[in-house]
C-alpha atoms as a PDB file:
ATOM      1  CA  UNK A   1       0.939 -23.584 -23.788  1.00  0.00           C
ATOM      2  CA  UNK A   2      -1.339 -25.567 -21.465  1.00  0.00           C
ATOM      3  CA  UNK A   3       0.712 -28.709 -22.041  1.00  0.00           C
ATOM      4  CA  UNK A   4       3.221 -27.302 -19.548  1.00  0.00           C
ATOM      5  CA  UNK A   5       0.605 -26.673 -16.841  1.00  0.00           C
ATOM      6  CA  UNK A   6      -1.346 -28.947 -14.520  1.00  0.00           C
ATOM      7  CA  UNK A   7      -4.102 -27.768 -12.160  1.00  0.00           C
ATOM      8  CA  UNK A   8      -4.408 -29.246  -8.680  1.00  0.00           C
ATOM      9  CA  UNK A   9      -6.535 -28.561  -5.631  1.00  0.00           C
ATOM     10  CA  UNK A  10      -3.542 -26.691  -4.156  1.00  0.00           C
ATOM     11  CA  UNK A  11      -3.205 -24.375  -7.138  1.00  0.00           C
ATOM     12  CA  UNK A  12      -6.951 -23.709  -7.103  1.00  0.00           C
ATOM     13  CA  UNK A  13      -6.887 -22.893  -3.371  1.00  0.00           C
ATOM     14  CA  UNK A  14      -3.967 -20.548  -3.942  1.00  0.00           C
ATOM     15  CA  UNK A  15      -5.889 -18.816  -6.741  1.00  0.00           C
ATOM     16  CA  UNK A  16      -8.819 -18.367  -4.345  1.00  0.00           C
ATOM     17  CA  UNK A  17      -6.417 -16.961  -1.742  1.00  0.00           C
ATOM     18  CA  UNK A  18      -5.064 -14.512  -4.317  1.00  0.00           C
ATOM     19  CA  UNK A  19      -8.619 -13.458  -5.156  1.00  0.00           C
ATOM     20  CA  UNK A  20      -9.541 -12.946  -1.498  1.00  0.00           C
ATOM     21  CA  UNK A  21      -6.348 -10.966  -0.817  1.00  0.00           C
ATOM     22  CA  UNK A  22      -7.092  -8.806  -3.859  1.00  0.00           C
ATOM     23  CA  UNK A  23     -10.619  -8.165  -2.566  1.00  0.00           C
ATOM     24  CA  UNK A  24      -9.225  -7.099   0.827  1.00  0.00           C
ATOM     25  CA  UNK A  25      -6.695  -4.849  -0.958  1.00  0.00           C
ATOM     26  CA  UNK A  26      -9.495  -3.176  -2.920  1.00  0.00           C
ATOM     27  CA  UNK A  27     -11.557  -2.770   0.264  1.00  0.00           C
ATOM     28  CA  UNK A  28      -8.576  -1.188   2.071  1.00  0.00           C
ATOM     29  CA  UNK A  29      -7.720   1.001  -0.924  1.00  0.00           C
ATOM     30  CA  UNK A  30     -11.238   2.446  -0.935  1.00  0.00           C
ATOM     31  CA  UNK A  31     -10.644   3.472   2.695  1.00  0.00           C
ATOM     32  CA  UNK A  32      -7.077   4.689   2.111  1.00  0.00           C
ATOM     33  CA  UNK A  33      -7.663   7.877   4.103  1.00  0.00           C
ATOM     34  CA  UNK A  34      -8.006   5.736   7.221  1.00  0.00           C
ATOM     35  CA  UNK A  35      -4.698   5.317   9.037  1.00  0.00           C
ATOM     36  CA  UNK A  36      -2.900   2.145   7.982  1.00  0.00           C
ATOM     37  CA  UNK A  37      -5.322   1.162   5.228  1.00  0.00           C
ATOM     38  CA  UNK A  38      -2.931   2.059   2.408  1.00  0.00           C
ATOM     39  CA  UNK A  39      -0.214  -0.145   3.926  1.00  0.00           C
ATOM     40  CA  UNK A  40      -2.787  -2.915   4.420  1.00  0.00           C
ATOM     41  CA  UNK A  41      -3.781  -2.620   0.747  1.00  0.00           C
ATOM     42  CA  UNK A  42      -0.173  -2.923  -0.415  1.00  0.00           C
ATOM     43  CA  UNK A  43       0.434  -5.838   1.966  1.00  0.00           C
ATOM     44  CA  UNK A  44      -2.624  -7.651   0.603  1.00  0.00           C
ATOM     45  CA  UNK A  45      -1.349  -7.102  -2.945  1.00  0.00           C
ATOM     46  CA  UNK A  46       1.897  -8.770  -1.832  1.00  0.00           C
ATOM     47  CA  UNK A  47      -0.117 -11.676  -0.377  1.00  0.00           C
ATOM     48  CA  UNK A  48      -2.052 -11.971  -3.651  1.00  0.00           C
ATOM     49  CA  UNK A  49       1.183 -11.913  -5.682  1.00  0.00           C
ATOM     50  CA  UNK A  50       2.720 -14.623  -3.482  1.00  0.00           C
ATOM     51  CA  UNK A  51      -0.362 -16.835  -3.733  1.00  0.00           C
ATOM     52  CA  UNK A  52      -0.710 -16.331  -7.489  1.00  0.00           C
ATOM     53  CA  UNK A  53       2.981 -17.047  -8.164  1.00  0.00           C
ATOM     54  CA  UNK A  54       2.843 -20.101  -5.888  1.00  0.00           C
ATOM     55  CA  UNK A  55      -0.215 -21.366  -7.751  1.00  0.00           C
ATOM     56  CA  UNK A  56       1.663 -21.016 -11.033  1.00  0.00           C
ATOM     57  CA  UNK A  57       4.699 -22.743  -9.518  1.00  0.00           C
ATOM     58  CA  UNK A  58       2.606 -25.709  -8.412  1.00  0.00           C
ATOM     59  CA  UNK A  59       0.800 -25.863 -11.755  1.00  0.00           C
ATOM     60  CA  UNK A  60       3.972 -25.762 -13.856  1.00  0.00           C
ATOM     61  CA  UNK A  61       5.205 -29.122 -15.081  1.00  0.00           C
ATOM     62  CA  UNK A  62       8.843 -28.441 -15.963  1.00  0.00           C
ATOM     63  CA  UNK A  63      11.512 -27.460 -13.465  1.00  0.00           C
ATOM     64  CA  UNK A  64      12.645 -24.228 -15.128  1.00  0.00           C
ATOM     65  CA  UNK A  65       9.080 -22.851 -15.064  1.00  0.00           C
ATOM     66  CA  UNK A  66       8.674 -23.870 -11.420  1.00  0.00           C
ATOM     67  CA  UNK A  67      11.932 -22.091 -10.532  1.00  0.00           C
ATOM     68  CA  UNK A  68      10.828 -18.961 -12.404  1.00  0.00           C
ATOM     69  CA  UNK A  69       7.560 -18.773 -10.427  1.00  0.00           C
ATOM     70  CA  UNK A  70       9.383 -19.538  -7.155  1.00  0.00           C
ATOM     71  CA  UNK A  71      11.619 -16.545  -7.872  1.00  0.00           C
ATOM     72  CA  UNK A  72       8.594 -14.353  -8.644  1.00  0.00           C
ATOM     73  CA  UNK A  73       6.922 -15.475  -5.405  1.00  0.00           C
ATOM     74  CA  UNK A  74       9.899 -14.133  -3.429  1.00  0.00           C
ATOM     75  CA  UNK A  75       8.725 -10.600  -4.242  1.00  0.00           C
ATOM     76  CA  UNK A  76       5.540 -11.141  -2.227  1.00  0.00           C
ATOM     77  CA  UNK A  77       7.066 -13.420   0.389  1.00  0.00           C
ATOM     78  CA  UNK A  78       9.751 -10.951   1.430  1.00  0.00           C
ATOM     79  CA  UNK A  79       7.568  -7.859   1.095  1.00  0.00           C
ATOM     80  CA  UNK A  80       4.951  -8.997   3.594  1.00  0.00           C
ATOM     81  CA  UNK A  81       7.063  -8.883   6.827  1.00  0.00           C
ATOM     82  CA  UNK A  82       8.318  -5.284   6.421  1.00  0.00           C
ATOM     83  CA  UNK A  83       4.840  -4.184   5.350  1.00  0.00           C
ATOM     84  CA  UNK A  84       3.307  -5.950   8.356  1.00  0.00           C
ATOM     85  CA  UNK A  85       5.764  -4.271  10.740  1.00  0.00           C
ATOM     86  CA  UNK A  86       5.057  -0.902   9.117  1.00  0.00           C
ATOM     87  CA  UNK A  87       1.328  -1.538   9.551  1.00  0.00           C
ATOM     88  CA  UNK A  88       1.873  -2.454  13.217  1.00  0.00           C
ATOM     89  CA  UNK A  89       3.888   0.715  13.806  1.00  0.00           C
ATOM     90  CA  UNK A  90       1.102   2.763  12.217  1.00  0.00           C
ATOM     91  CA  UNK A  91      -1.460   0.908  14.334  1.00  0.00           C
ATOM     92  CA  UNK A  92       0.337   1.665  17.591  1.00  0.00           C
ATOM     93  CA  UNK A  93       1.000   5.244  16.439  1.00  0.00           C
ATOM     94  CA  UNK A  94       4.753   4.878  16.799  1.00  0.00           C
ATOM     95  CA  UNK A  95       5.472   7.489  14.114  1.00  0.00           C
ATOM     96  CA  UNK A  96       9.122   8.039  15.106  1.00  0.00           C
ATOM     97  CA  UNK A  97       9.904   4.532  13.811  1.00  0.00           C
ATOM     98  CA  UNK A  98       8.339   5.366  10.444  1.00  0.00           C
ATOM     99  CA  UNK A  99      11.064   7.796   9.336  1.00  0.00           C
ATOM    100  CA  UNK A 100      12.079   7.217   5.701  1.00  0.00           C
ATOM    101  CA  UNK A 101      15.626   6.175   6.655  1.00  0.00           C
ATOM    102  CA  UNK A 102      14.314   3.492   9.029  1.00  0.00           C
ATOM    103  CA  UNK A 103      11.800   2.227   6.472  1.00  0.00           C
ATOM    104  CA  UNK A 104      14.590   1.970   3.881  1.00  0.00           C
ATOM    105  CA  UNK A 105      16.744   0.080   6.370  1.00  0.00           C
ATOM    106  CA  UNK A 106      13.832  -2.261   7.067  1.00  0.00           C
ATOM    107  CA  UNK A 107      13.622  -3.077   3.333  1.00  0.00           C
ATOM    108  CA  UNK A 108      17.357  -3.549   2.728  1.00  0.00           C
ATOM    109  CA  UNK A 109      17.623  -7.268   3.549  1.00  0.00           C
ATOM    110  CA  UNK A 110      14.342  -8.279   1.840  1.00  0.00           C
ATOM    111  CA  UNK A 111      15.510  -6.569  -1.364  1.00  0.00           C
ATOM    112  CA  UNK A 112      18.857  -8.360  -1.146  1.00  0.00           C
ATOM    113  CA  UNK A 113      17.136 -11.729  -0.601  1.00  0.00           C
ATOM    114  CA  UNK A 114      14.821 -11.127  -3.597  1.00  0.00           C
ATOM    115  CA  UNK A 115      17.875 -10.239  -5.683  1.00  0.00           C
ATOM    116  CA  UNK A 116      19.646 -13.394  -4.509  1.00  0.00           C
ATOM    117  CA  UNK A 117      16.649 -15.505  -5.543  1.00  0.00           C
ATOM    118  CA  UNK A 118      16.789 -14.108  -9.079  1.00  0.00           C
ATOM    119  CA  UNK A 119      20.555 -14.632  -9.330  1.00  0.00           C
ATOM    120  CA  UNK A 120      20.668 -17.976  -7.524  1.00  0.00           C
ATOM    121  CA  UNK A 121      22.312 -19.786 -10.472  1.00  0.00           C
ATOM    122  CA  UNK A 122      25.489 -17.777  -9.852  1.00  0.00           C
ATOM    123  CA  UNK A 123      25.923 -18.399  -6.108  1.00  0.00           C
ATOM    124  CA  UNK A 124      23.314 -20.911  -4.788  1.00  0.00           C
ATOM    125  CA  UNK A 125      22.812 -18.879  -1.607  1.00  0.00           C
ATOM    126  CA  UNK A 126      19.029 -19.329  -1.689  1.00  0.00           C
ATOM    127  CA  UNK A 127      18.709 -22.824  -3.192  1.00  0.00           C
ATOM    128  CA  UNK A 128      21.740 -25.106  -3.254  1.00  0.00           C
ATOM    129  CA  UNK A 129      19.855 -27.853  -5.109  1.00  0.00           C
ATOM    130  CA  UNK A 130      16.460 -27.901  -6.809  1.00  0.00           C
ATOM    131  CA  UNK A 131      14.652 -30.950  -8.180  1.00  0.00           C
ATOM    132  CA  UNK A 132      11.128 -32.126  -8.876  1.00  0.00           C
ATOM    133  CA  UNK A 133       9.951 -34.702  -6.354  1.00  0.00           C
ATOM    134  CA  UNK A 134       9.653 -38.013  -8.240  1.00  0.00           C
ATOM    135  CA  UNK A 135       6.745 -39.222  -6.071  1.00  0.00           C
ATOM    136  CA  UNK A 136       4.814 -35.940  -6.340  1.00  0.00           C
ATOM    137  CA  UNK A 137       5.564 -33.960  -9.523  1.00  0.00           C
ATOM    138  CA  UNK A 138       3.780 -30.803  -8.331  1.00  0.00           C
ATOM    139  CA  UNK A 139       6.291 -30.553  -5.484  1.00  0.00           C
ATOM    140  CA  UNK A 140       9.778 -29.124  -5.835  1.00  0.00           C
ATOM    141  CA  UNK A 141      12.437 -30.323  -3.433  1.00  0.00           C
ATOM    142  CA  UNK A 142      14.809 -27.559  -2.343  1.00  0.00           C
ATOM    143  CA  UNK A 143      18.072 -27.788  -0.457  1.00  0.00           C
ATOM    144  CA  UNK A 144      18.249 -24.338   1.076  1.00  0.00           C
ATOM    145  CA  UNK A 145      21.354 -22.196   1.267  1.00  0.00           C
ATOM    146  CA  UNK A 146      22.518 -19.662   3.852  1.00  0.00           C
ATOM    147  CA  UNK A 147      20.713 -16.742   2.170  1.00  0.00           C
ATOM    148  CA  UNK A 148      17.399 -18.539   2.485  1.00  0.00           C
ATOM    149  CA  UNK A 149      17.863 -19.105   6.216  1.00  0.00           C
ATOM    150  CA  UNK A 150      18.975 -15.510   6.808  1.00  0.00           C
ATOM    151  CA  UNK A 151      15.778 -14.383   5.056  1.00  0.00           C
ATOM    152  CA  UNK A 152      13.662 -16.746   7.158  1.00  0.00           C
ATOM    153  CA  UNK A 153      15.142 -15.500  10.441  1.00  0.00           C
ATOM    154  CA  UNK A 154      14.748 -11.863   9.395  1.00  0.00           C
ATOM    155  CA  UNK A 155      11.182 -12.288   8.125  1.00  0.00           C
ATOM    156  CA  UNK A 156       9.999 -14.181  11.199  1.00  0.00           C
ATOM    157  CA  UNK A 157      11.707 -11.653  13.462  1.00  0.00           C
ATOM    158  CA  UNK A 158       9.776  -8.816  11.794  1.00  0.00           C
ATOM    159  CA  UNK A 159       6.520 -10.790  12.038  1.00  0.00           C
ATOM    160  CA  UNK A 160       7.144 -11.540  15.722  1.00  0.00           C
ATOM    161  CA  UNK A 161       7.958  -7.892  16.496  1.00  0.00           C
ATOM    162  CA  UNK A 162       4.894  -6.686  14.565  1.00  0.00           C
ATOM    163  CA  UNK A 163       2.616  -9.200  16.265  1.00  0.00           C
ATOM    164  CA  UNK A 164       3.957  -8.378  19.718  1.00  0.00           C
ATOM    165  CA  UNK A 165       3.570  -4.664  18.980  1.00  0.00           C
ATOM    166  CA  UNK A 166      -0.056  -5.058  17.929  1.00  0.00           C
ATOM    167  CA  UNK A 167      -0.950  -7.242  20.914  1.00  0.00           C
ATOM    168  CA  UNK A 168       0.775  -4.842  23.314  1.00  0.00           C
ATOM    169  CA  UNK A 169      -1.040  -1.861  21.783  1.00  0.00           C
ATOM    170  CA  UNK A 170      -4.417  -3.614  21.843  1.00  0.00           C
ATOM    171  CA  UNK A 171      -3.964  -4.539  25.506  1.00  0.00           C
ATOM    172  CA  UNK A 172      -2.814  -1.085  26.574  1.00  0.00           C
ATOM    173  CA  UNK A 173      -5.475   0.825  24.657  1.00  0.00           C
ATOM    174  CA  UNK A 174      -8.269  -1.466  25.814  1.00  0.00           C
ATOM    175  CA  UNK A 175      -7.539  -0.722  29.487  1.00  0.00           C
END
């Protein structure tokens, strides 16, 4: 089994990141009655999942194993932005935006992107080409498809909105 794995400083750092995110998730879970802490705990679990899957992707030697772990990492990658925006909305007490229908709408595109990652062989909307870098075998070279870029724009938009919302709230409540 270990003949198909190779540890590197990057995979070790990602394992440490996963451990730290898990510790923060446990800390937040223990304070789950505090507003926003439950969402923070779930978001930190997503961060831990992303880091752990990325560590396994880097450590894998063959391409099919690397692709499998890249697909698994999409669960965490595309869960973090909607969770972060939900946390920001809780933080600024904007409860009207937290209606179940709006939360479901917020998750629609991330769920589609995750599904596209797992079915990429049929349409190549996430990765058009995938190969191991000949100069650096821990690195996978991706040629990204339209679905990838749509996910990037959506995710960064949610992160930007969440960040702006938190900064705006912190400035207005501090005055």
